[in-house]
Amino acid sequence: MATRKNTAEGLKARMDKLENDLVKIKDQKAQLNIKEKELTKSFKEAKASYIVALMAESGKSIEELEQFARKPHQEKNGDELNVPGYEHTNG
């Protein structure tokens, strides 16, 4: 019977340890979720500031930017789009 008691005590101790570890992990998970939300918010704010800075550096008015956003764009190769006066010929 001593063996069963020792086994039961050992298993009880193991269960207690695992339960404590689980509680710690759940706490860490909750803290990481909070941190993720904070970082996501900070990232979005930084991205918005970056976009505003790019718009300010463009020298375009808000109206010009709105017109640009509304006009349909033709799909072109990026290289062709960036070379003034370049017309692509199929050949």
PDB file of N, CA and C in Angstrom:
ATOM      1  N   MET A   1       0.798  -1.201   0.000  1.00  0.00           N
ATOM      2  CA  MET A   1       0.000   0.000   0.000  1.00  0.00           C
ATOM      3  C   MET A   1       0.838   1.261   0.000  1.00  0.00           C
ATOM      4  N   ALA A   2       2.032   1.177   0.539  1.00  0.00           N
ATOM      5  CA  ALA A   2       2.896   2.351   0.574  1.00  0.00           C
ATOM      6  C   ALA A   2       3.222   2.813  -0.835  1.00  0.00           C
ATOM      7  N   THR A   3       3.359   1.883  -1.742  1.00  0.00           N
ATOM      8  CA  THR A   3       3.677   2.239  -3.122  1.00  0.00           C
ATOM      9  C   THR A   3       2.531   3.017  -3.757  1.00  0.00           C
ATOM     10  N   ARG A   4       1.313   2.575  -3.521  1.00  0.00           N
ATOM     11  CA  ARG A   4       0.161   3.294  -4.075  1.00  0.00           C
ATOM     12  C   ARG A   4       0.065   4.699  -3.505  1.00  0.00           C
ATOM     13  N   LYS A   5       0.316   4.826  -2.214  1.00  0.00           N
ATOM     14  CA  LYS A   5       0.244   6.142  -1.571  1.00  0.00           C
ATOM     15  C   LYS A   5       1.315   7.055  -2.152  1.00  0.00           C
ATOM     16  N   ASN A   6       2.534   6.531  -2.281  1.00  0.00           N
ATOM     17  CA  ASN A   6       3.616   7.327  -2.860  1.00  0.00           C
ATOM     18  C   ASN A   6       3.292   7.709  -4.299  1.00  0.00           C
ATOM     19  N   THR A   7       2.718   6.780  -5.045  1.00  0.00           N
ATOM     20  CA  THR A   7       2.351   7.064  -6.428  1.00  0.00           C
ATOM     21  C   THR A   7       1.275   8.141  -6.472  1.00  0.00           C
ATOM     22  N   ALA A   8       0.265   8.011  -5.642  1.00  0.00           N
ATOM     23  CA  ALA A   8      -0.816   8.997  -5.606  1.00  0.00           C
ATOM     24  C   ALA A   8      -0.280  10.365  -5.193  1.00  0.00           C
ATOM     25  N   GLU A   9       0.597  10.394  -4.201  1.00  0.00           N
ATOM     26  CA  GLU A   9       1.182  11.671  -3.769  1.00  0.00           C
ATOM     27  C   GLU A   9       2.034  12.280  -4.876  1.00  0.00           C
ATOM     28  N   GLY A  10       2.790  11.436  -5.546  1.00  0.00           N
ATOM     29  CA  GLY A  10       3.615  11.927  -6.653  1.00  0.00           C
ATOM     30  C   GLY A  10       2.774  12.484  -7.783  1.00  0.00           C
ATOM     31  N   LEU A  11       1.701  11.771  -8.093  1.00  0.00           N
ATOM     32  CA  LEU A  11       0.801  12.240  -9.152  1.00  0.00           C
ATOM     33  C   LEU A  11       0.086  13.518  -8.746  1.00  0.00           C
ATOM     34  N   LYS A  12      -0.300  13.604  -7.482  1.00  0.00           N
ATOM     35  CA  LYS A  12      -0.954  14.824  -6.988  1.00  0.00           C
ATOM     36  C   LYS A  12       0.005  16.007  -7.091  1.00  0.00           C
ATOM     37  N   ALA A  13       1.262  15.788  -6.693  1.00  0.00           N
ATOM     38  CA  ALA A  13       2.263  16.854  -6.780  1.00  0.00           C
ATOM     39  C   ALA A  13       2.477  17.262  -8.236  1.00  0.00           C
ATOM     40  N   ARG A  14       2.503  16.276  -9.130  1.00  0.00           N
ATOM     41  CA  ARG A  14       2.691  16.569 -10.559  1.00  0.00           C
ATOM     42  C   ARG A  14       1.501  17.364 -11.091  1.00  0.00           C
ATOM     43  N   MET A  15       0.284  16.971 -10.707  1.00  0.00           N
ATOM     44  CA  MET A  15      -0.912  17.706 -11.125  1.00  0.00           C
ATOM     45  C   MET A  15      -0.868  19.150 -10.639  1.00  0.00           C
ATOM     46  N   ASP A  16      -0.477  19.341  -9.387  1.00  0.00           N
ATOM     47  CA  ASP A  16      -0.391  20.693  -8.829  1.00  0.00           C
ATOM     48  C   ASP A  16       0.612  21.538  -9.600  1.00  0.00           C
ATOM     49  N   LYS A  17       1.765  20.949  -9.911  1.00  0.00           N
ATOM     50  CA  LYS A  17       2.797  21.673 -10.656  1.00  0.00           C
ATOM     51  C   LYS A  17       2.292  22.039 -12.051  1.00  0.00           C
ATOM     52  N   LEU A  18       1.667  21.081 -12.726  1.00  0.00           N
ATOM     53  CA  LEU A  18       1.140  21.346 -14.066  1.00  0.00           C
ATOM     54  C   LEU A  18       0.044  22.405 -14.037  1.00  0.00           C
ATOM     55  N   GLU A  19      -0.791  22.358 -13.014  1.00  0.00           N
ATOM     56  CA  GLU A  19      -1.843  23.361 -12.889  1.00  0.00           C
ATOM     57  C   GLU A  19      -1.248  24.754 -12.686  1.00  0.00           C
ATOM     58  N   ASN A  20      -0.225  24.849 -11.849  1.00  0.00           N
ATOM     59  CA  ASN A  20       0.452  26.138 -11.633  1.00  0.00           C
ATOM     60  C   ASN A  20       1.109  26.629 -12.916  1.00  0.00           C
ATOM     61  N   ASP A  21       1.740  25.705 -13.650  1.00  0.00           N
ATOM     62  CA  ASP A  21       2.356  26.076 -14.926  1.00  0.00           C
ATOM     63  C   ASP A  21       1.303  26.579 -15.908  1.00  0.00           C
ATOM     64  N   LEU A  22       0.160  25.931 -15.929  1.00  0.00           N
ATOM     65  CA  LEU A  22      -0.923  26.343 -16.816  1.00  0.00           C
ATOM     66  C   LEU A  22      -1.423  27.740 -16.470  1.00  0.00           C
ATOM     67  N   VAL A  23      -1.564  28.021 -15.190  1.00  0.00           N
ATOM     68  CA  VAL A  23      -1.994  29.355 -14.751  1.00  0.00           C
ATOM     69  C   VAL A  23      -0.979  30.405 -15.203  1.00  0.00           C
ATOM     70  N   LYS A  24       0.304  30.103 -15.048  1.00  0.00           N
ATOM     71  CA  LYS A  24       1.354  31.038 -15.468  1.00  0.00           C
ATOM     72  C   LYS A  24       1.279  31.298 -16.970  1.00  0.00           C
ATOM     73  N   ILE A  25       1.099  30.237 -17.750  1.00  0.00           N
ATOM     74  CA  ILE A  25       1.020  30.371 -19.209  1.00  0.00           C
ATOM     75  C   ILE A  25      -0.194  31.208 -19.606  1.00  0.00           C
ATOM     76  N   LYS A  26      -1.319  30.981 -18.958  1.00  0.00           N
ATOM     77  CA  LYS A  26      -2.522  31.768 -19.265  1.00  0.00           C
ATOM     78  C   LYS A  26      -2.303  33.243 -18.940  1.00  0.00           C
ATOM     79  N   ASP A  27      -1.624  33.532 -17.839  1.00  0.00           N
ATOM     80  CA  ASP A  27      -1.312  34.919 -17.489  1.00  0.00           C
ATOM     81  C   ASP A  27      -0.402  35.548 -18.541  1.00  0.00           C
ATOM     82  N   GLN A  28       0.621  34.797 -18.958  1.00  0.00           N
ATOM     83  CA  GLN A  28       1.540  35.299 -19.983  1.00  0.00           C
ATOM     84  C   GLN A  28       0.800  35.544 -21.295  1.00  0.00           C
ATOM     85  N   LYS A  29      -0.103  34.634 -21.636  1.00  0.00           N
ATOM     86  CA  LYS A  29      -0.885  34.777 -22.866  1.00  0.00           C
ATOM     87  C   LYS A  29      -1.724  36.049 -22.823  1.00  0.00           C
ATOM     88  N   ALA A  30      -2.360  36.303 -21.693  1.00  0.00           N
ATOM     89  CA  ALA A  30      -3.172  37.512 -21.541  1.00  0.00           C
ATOM     90  C   ALA A  30      -2.308  38.763 -21.673  1.00  0.00           C
ATOM     91  N   GLN A  31      -1.124  38.732 -21.062  1.00  0.00           N
ATOM     92  CA  GLN A  31      -0.213  39.877 -21.157  1.00  0.00           C
ATOM     93  C   GLN A  31       0.266  40.075 -22.594  1.00  0.00           C
ATOM     94  N   LEU A  32       0.540  38.974 -23.298  1.00  0.00           N
ATOM     95  CA  LEU A  32       0.971  39.077 -24.694  1.00  0.00           C
ATOM     96  C   LEU A  32      -0.146  39.621 -25.582  1.00  0.00           C
ATOM     97  N   ASN A  33      -1.384  39.237 -25.309  1.00  0.00           N
ATOM     98  CA  ASN A  33      -2.507  39.774 -26.079  1.00  0.00           C
ATOM     99  C   ASN A  33      -2.625  41.282 -25.895  1.00  0.00           C
ATOM    100  N   ILE A  34      -2.458  41.737 -24.663  1.00  0.00           N
ATOM    101  CA  ILE A  34      -2.492  43.178 -24.390  1.00  0.00           C
ATOM    102  C   ILE A  34      -1.353  43.875 -25.123  1.00  0.00           C
ATOM    103  N   LYS A  35      -0.155  43.312 -25.040  1.00  0.00           N
ATOM    104  CA  LYS A  35       1.017  43.889 -25.701  1.00  0.00           C
ATOM    105  C   LYS A  35       0.815  43.922 -27.215  1.00  0.00           C
ATOM    106  N   GLU A  36       0.231  42.850 -27.776  1.00  0.00           N
ATOM    107  CA  GLU A  36      -0.023  42.806 -29.218  1.00  0.00           C
ATOM    108  C   GLU A  36      -0.967  43.929 -29.635  1.00  0.00           C
ATOM    109  N   LYS A  37      -2.022  44.151 -28.866  1.00  0.00           N
ATOM    110  CA  LYS A  37      -2.970  45.221 -29.181  1.00  0.00           C
ATOM    111  C   LYS A  37      -2.290  46.581 -29.119  1.00  0.00           C
ATOM    112  N   GLU A  38      -1.447  46.792 -28.111  1.00  0.00           N
ATOM    113  CA  GLU A  38      -0.732  48.067 -27.982  1.00  0.00           C
ATOM    114  C   GLU A  38       0.212  48.281 -29.161  1.00  0.00           C
ATOM    115  N   LEU A  39       0.947  47.236 -29.534  1.00  0.00           N
ATOM    116  CA  LEU A  39       1.886  47.354 -30.651  1.00  0.00           C
ATOM    117  C   LEU A  39       1.157  47.561 -31.974  1.00  0.00           C
ATOM    118  N   THR A  40       0.039  46.885 -32.157  1.00  0.00           N
ATOM    119  CA  THR A  40      -0.749  47.059 -33.373  1.00  0.00           C
ATOM    120  C   THR A  40      -1.246  48.496 -33.481  1.00  0.00           C
ATOM    121  N   LYS A  41      -1.718  49.038 -32.377  1.00  0.00           N
ATOM    122  CA  LYS A  41      -2.190  50.429 -32.363  1.00  0.00           C
ATOM    123  C   LYS A  41      -1.041  51.382 -32.678  1.00  0.00           C
ATOM    124  N   SER A  42       0.115  51.173 -32.056  1.00  0.00           N
ATOM    125  CA  SER A  42       1.277  52.029 -32.305  1.00  0.00           C
ATOM    126  C   SER A  42       1.718  51.937 -33.757  1.00  0.00           C
ATOM    127  N   PHE A  43       1.691  50.719 -34.312  1.00  0.00           N
ATOM    128  CA  PHE A  43       2.081  50.535 -35.708  1.00  0.00           C
ATOM    129  C   PHE A  43       1.136  51.286 -36.640  1.00  0.00           C
ATOM    130  N   LYS A  44      -0.170  51.184 -36.395  1.00  0.00           N
ATOM    131  CA  LYS A  44      -1.149  51.881 -37.234  1.00  0.00           C
ATOM    132  C   LYS A  44      -0.969  53.390 -37.147  1.00  0.00           C
ATOM    133  N   GLU A  45      -0.687  53.902 -35.948  1.00  0.00           N
ATOM    134  CA  GLU A  45      -0.466  55.337 -35.780  1.00  0.00           C
ATOM    135  C   GLU A  45       0.791  55.781 -36.520  1.00  0.00           C
ATOM    136  N   ALA A  46       1.852  54.986 -36.434  1.00  0.00           N
ATOM    137  CA  ALA A  46       3.094  55.320 -37.130  1.00  0.00           C
ATOM    138  C   ALA A  46       2.889  55.278 -38.638  1.00  0.00           C
ATOM    139  N   LYS A  47       2.142  54.294 -39.103  1.00  0.00           N
ATOM    140  CA  LYS A  47       1.874  54.167 -40.538  1.00  0.00           C
ATOM    141  C   LYS A  47       1.058  55.364 -41.036  1.00  0.00           C
ATOM    142  N   ALA A  48       0.071  55.774 -40.257  1.00  0.00           N
ATOM    143  CA  ALA A  48      -0.741  56.933 -40.630  1.00  0.00           C
ATOM    144  C   ALA A  48       0.117  58.194 -40.682  1.00  0.00           C
ATOM    145  N   SER A  49       0.994  58.369 -39.715  1.00  0.00           N
ATOM    146  CA  SER A  49       1.888  59.532 -39.710  1.00  0.00           C
ATOM    147  C   SER A  49       2.816  59.505 -40.914  1.00  0.00           C
ATOM    148  N   TYR A  50       3.293  58.319 -41.263  1.00  0.00           N
ATOM    149  CA  TYR A  50       4.173  58.158 -42.429  1.00  0.00           C
ATOM    150  C   TYR A  50       3.439  58.548 -43.710  1.00  0.00           C
ATOM    151  N   ILE A  51       2.195  58.100 -43.838  1.00  0.00           N
ATOM    152  CA  ILE A  51       1.411  58.431 -45.028  1.00  0.00           C
ATOM    153  C   ILE A  51       1.164  59.931 -45.103  1.00  0.00           C
ATOM    154  N   VAL A  52       0.849  60.544 -43.978  1.00  0.00           N
ATOM    155  CA  VAL A  52       0.633  61.996 -43.954  1.00  0.00           C
ATOM    156  C   VAL A  52       1.917  62.724 -44.351  1.00  0.00           C
ATOM    157  N   ALA A  53       3.059  62.257 -43.859  1.00  0.00           N
ATOM    158  CA  ALA A  53       4.339  62.878 -44.209  1.00  0.00           C
ATOM    159  C   ALA A  53       4.621  62.736 -45.699  1.00  0.00           C
ATOM    160  N   LEU A  54       4.347  61.571 -46.261  1.00  0.00           N
ATOM    161  CA  LEU A  54       4.546  61.380 -47.701  1.00  0.00           C
ATOM    162  C   LEU A  54       3.638  62.299 -48.505  1.00  0.00           C
ATOM    163  N   MET A  55       2.401  62.433 -48.056  1.00  0.00           N
ATOM    164  CA  MET A  55       1.473  63.322 -48.748  1.00  0.00           C
ATOM    165  C   MET A  55       1.955  64.766 -48.666  1.00  0.00           C
ATOM    166  N   ALA A  56       2.453  65.169 -47.515  1.00  0.00           N
ATOM    167  CA  ALA A  56       2.948  66.537 -47.345  1.00  0.00           C
ATOM    168  C   ALA A  56       4.153  66.783 -48.243  1.00  0.00           C
ATOM    169  N   GLU A  57       5.034  65.781 -48.351  1.00  0.00           N
ATOM    170  CA  GLU A  57       6.222  65.926 -49.190  1.00  0.00           C
ATOM    171  C   GLU A  57       5.885  65.922 -50.676  1.00  0.00           C
ATOM    172  N   SER A  58       4.738  65.371 -51.044  1.00  0.00           N
ATOM    173  CA  SER A  58       4.376  65.294 -52.462  1.00  0.00           C
ATOM    174  C   SER A  58       4.049  66.665 -53.036  1.00  0.00           C
ATOM    175  N   GLY A  59       3.669  67.594 -52.172  1.00  0.00           N
ATOM    176  CA  GLY A  59       3.315  68.928 -52.641  1.00  0.00           C
ATOM    177  C   GLY A  59       1.940  68.986 -53.287  1.00  0.00           C
ATOM    178  N   LYS A  60       1.198  67.921 -53.205  1.00  0.00           N
ATOM    179  CA  LYS A  60      -0.136  67.876 -53.812  1.00  0.00           C
ATOM    180  C   LYS A  60      -1.169  68.355 -52.797  1.00  0.00           C
ATOM    181  N   SER A  61      -2.223  68.970 -53.325  1.00  0.00           N
ATOM    182  CA  SER A  61      -3.320  69.375 -52.446  1.00  0.00           C
ATOM    183  C   SER A  61      -4.187  68.149 -52.159  1.00  0.00           C
ATOM    184  N   ILE A  62      -5.026  68.287 -51.171  1.00  0.00           N
ATOM    185  CA  ILE A  62      -5.934  67.187 -50.841  1.00  0.00           C
ATOM    186  C   ILE A  62      -6.836  66.884 -52.031  1.00  0.00           C
ATOM    187  N   GLU A  63      -7.277  67.923 -52.703  1.00  0.00           N
ATOM    188  CA  GLU A  63      -8.140  67.733 -53.867  1.00  0.00           C
ATOM    189  C   GLU A  63      -7.415  66.947 -54.958  1.00  0.00           C
ATOM    190  N   GLU A  64      -6.142  67.282 -55.206  1.00  0.00           N
ATOM    191  CA  GLU A  64      -5.365  66.555 -56.216  1.00  0.00           C
ATOM    192  C   GLU A  64      -5.196  65.087 -55.827  1.00  0.00           C
ATOM    193  N   LEU A  65      -4.957  64.844 -54.556  1.00  0.00           N
ATOM    194  CA  LEU A  65      -4.814  63.461 -54.097  1.00  0.00           C
ATOM    195  C   LEU A  65      -6.131  62.697 -54.223  1.00  0.00           C
ATOM    196  N   GLU A  66      -7.248  63.366 -53.928  1.00  0.00           N
ATOM    197  CA  GLU A  66      -8.551  62.718 -54.084  1.00  0.00           C
ATOM    198  C   GLU A  66      -8.824  62.396 -55.545  1.00  0.00           C
ATOM    199  N   GLN A  67      -8.494  63.332 -56.442  1.00  0.00           N
ATOM    200  CA  GLN A  67      -8.680  63.085 -57.873  1.00  0.00           C
ATOM    201  C   GLN A  67      -7.813  61.917 -58.328  1.00  0.00           C
ATOM    202  N   PHE A  68      -6.585  61.882 -57.867  1.00  0.00           N
ATOM    203  CA  PHE A  68      -5.685  60.787 -58.219  1.00  0.00           C
ATOM    204  C   PHE A  68      -6.244  59.448 -57.743  1.00  0.00           C
ATOM    205  N   ALA A  69      -6.790  59.433 -56.545  1.00  0.00           N
ATOM    206  CA  ALA A  69      -7.326  58.188 -55.988  1.00  0.00           C
ATOM    207  C   ALA A  69      -8.566  57.716 -56.738  1.00  0.00           C
ATOM    208  N   ARG A  70      -9.321  58.647 -57.292  1.00  0.00           N
ATOM    209  CA  ARG A  70     -10.565  58.299 -57.983  1.00  0.00           C
ATOM    210  C   ARG A  70     -10.358  57.915 -59.438  1.00  0.00           C
ATOM    211  N   LYS A  71      -9.315  58.421 -60.076  1.00  0.00           N
ATOM    212  CA  LYS A  71      -9.171  58.155 -61.508  1.00  0.00           C
ATOM    213  C   LYS A  71      -8.731  56.709 -61.731  1.00  0.00           C
ATOM    214  N   PRO A  72      -9.273  56.104 -62.790  1.00  0.00           N
ATOM    215  CA  PRO A  72      -8.886  54.711 -63.078  1.00  0.00           C
ATOM    216  C   PRO A  72      -7.434  54.661 -63.547  1.00  0.00           C
ATOM    217  N   HIS A  73      -6.742  53.655 -63.096  1.00  0.00           N
ATOM    218  CA  HIS A  73      -5.337  53.504 -63.460  1.00  0.00           C
ATOM    219  C   HIS A  73      -5.185  52.323 -64.392  1.00  0.00           C
ATOM    220  N   GLN A  74      -4.384  52.517 -65.430  1.00  0.00           N
ATOM    221  CA  GLN A  74      -4.086  51.413 -66.323  1.00  0.00           C
ATOM    222  C   GLN A  74      -3.001  50.576 -65.681  1.00  0.00           C
ATOM    223  N   GLU A  75      -3.123  49.263 -65.872  1.00  0.00           N
ATOM    224  CA  GLU A  75      -2.083  48.393 -65.340  1.00  0.00           C
ATOM    225  C   GLU A  75      -0.895  48.456 -66.278  1.00  0.00           C
ATOM    226  N   LYS A  76       0.227  48.821 -65.729  1.00  0.00           N
ATOM    227  CA  LYS A  76       1.464  48.888 -66.499  1.00  0.00           C
ATOM    228  C   LYS A  76       2.561  48.262 -65.685  1.00  0.00           C
ATOM    229  N   ASN A  77       3.582  47.876 -66.372  1.00  0.00           N
ATOM    230  CA  ASN A  77       4.784  47.395 -65.711  1.00  0.00           C
ATOM    231  C   ASN A  77       5.355  48.565 -64.934  1.00  0.00           C
ATOM    232  N   GLY A  78       5.822  48.340 -63.732  1.00  0.00           N
ATOM    233  CA  GLY A  78       6.353  49.411 -62.892  1.00  0.00           C
ATOM    234  C   GLY A  78       7.457  50.199 -63.556  1.00  0.00           C
ATOM    235  N   ASP A  79       8.314  49.537 -64.346  1.00  0.00           N
ATOM    236  CA  ASP A  79       9.392  50.245 -65.028  1.00  0.00           C
ATOM    237  C   ASP A  79       8.835  51.225 -66.049  1.00  0.00           C
ATOM    238  N   GLU A  80       7.836  50.802 -66.787  1.00  0.00           N
ATOM    239  CA  GLU A  80       7.243  51.665 -67.800  1.00  0.00           C
ATOM    240  C   GLU A  80       6.532  52.847 -67.155  1.00  0.00           C
ATOM    241  N   LEU A  81       5.894  52.594 -66.048  1.00  0.00           N
ATOM    242  CA  LEU A  81       5.142  53.631 -65.360  1.00  0.00           C
ATOM    243  C   LEU A  81       6.057  54.744 -64.866  1.00  0.00           C
ATOM    244  N   ASN A  82       7.297  54.408 -64.545  1.00  0.00           N
ATOM    245  CA  ASN A  82       8.210  55.370 -63.954  1.00  0.00           C
ATOM    246  C   ASN A  82       9.117  56.075 -64.944  1.00  0.00           C
ATOM    247  N   VAL A  83       8.999  55.759 -66.225  1.00  0.00           N
ATOM    248  CA  VAL A  83       9.861  56.391 -67.223  1.00  0.00           C
ATOM    249  C   VAL A  83       9.022  57.364 -68.037  1.00  0.00           C
ATOM    250  N   PRO A  84       9.254  58.684 -67.852  1.00  0.00           N
ATOM    251  CA  PRO A  84       8.468  59.669 -68.595  1.00  0.00           C
ATOM    252  C   PRO A  84       8.710  59.536 -70.097  1.00  0.00           C
ATOM    253  N   GLY A  85       7.633  59.632 -70.876  1.00  0.00           N
ATOM    254  CA  GLY A  85       7.759  59.610 -72.324  1.00  0.00           C
ATOM    255  C   GLY A  85       7.967  58.225 -72.910  1.00  0.00           C
ATOM    256  N   TYR A  86       8.000  57.205 -72.096  1.00  0.00           N
ATOM    257  CA  TYR A  86       8.232  55.851 -72.599  1.00  0.00           C
ATOM    258  C   TYR A  86       6.907  55.223 -72.970  1.00  0.00           C
ATOM    259  N   GLU A  87       6.815  54.738 -74.192  1.00  0.00           N
ATOM    260  CA  GLU A  87       5.621  54.029 -74.614  1.00  0.00           C
ATOM    261  C   GLU A  87       6.006  52.609 -74.949  1.00  0.00           C
ATOM    262  N   HIS A  88       5.309  51.679 -74.352  1.00  0.00           N
ATOM    263  CA  HIS A  88       5.602  50.265 -74.565  1.00  0.00           C
ATOM    264  C   HIS A  88       5.022  49.827 -75.903  1.00  0.00           C
ATOM    265  N   THR A  89       5.804  49.120 -76.677  1.00  0.00           N
ATOM    266  CA  THR A  89       5.310  48.554 -77.931  1.00  0.00           C
ATOM    267  C   THR A  89       5.380  47.048 -77.830  1.00  0.00           C
ATOM    268  N   ASN A  90       4.322  46.399 -78.261  1.00  0.00           N
ATOM    269  CA  ASN A  90       4.323  44.931 -78.269  1.00  0.00           C
ATOM    270  C   ASN A  90       5.124  44.470 -79.467  1.00  0.00           C
ATOM    271  N   GLY A  91       6.026  43.567 -79.235  1.00  0.00           N
ATOM    272  CA  GLY A  91       6.806  43.171 -80.388  1.00  0.00           C
ATOM    273  C   GLY A  91       7.625  42.049 -80.152  1.00  0.00           C
TER     274      GLY A  91
END
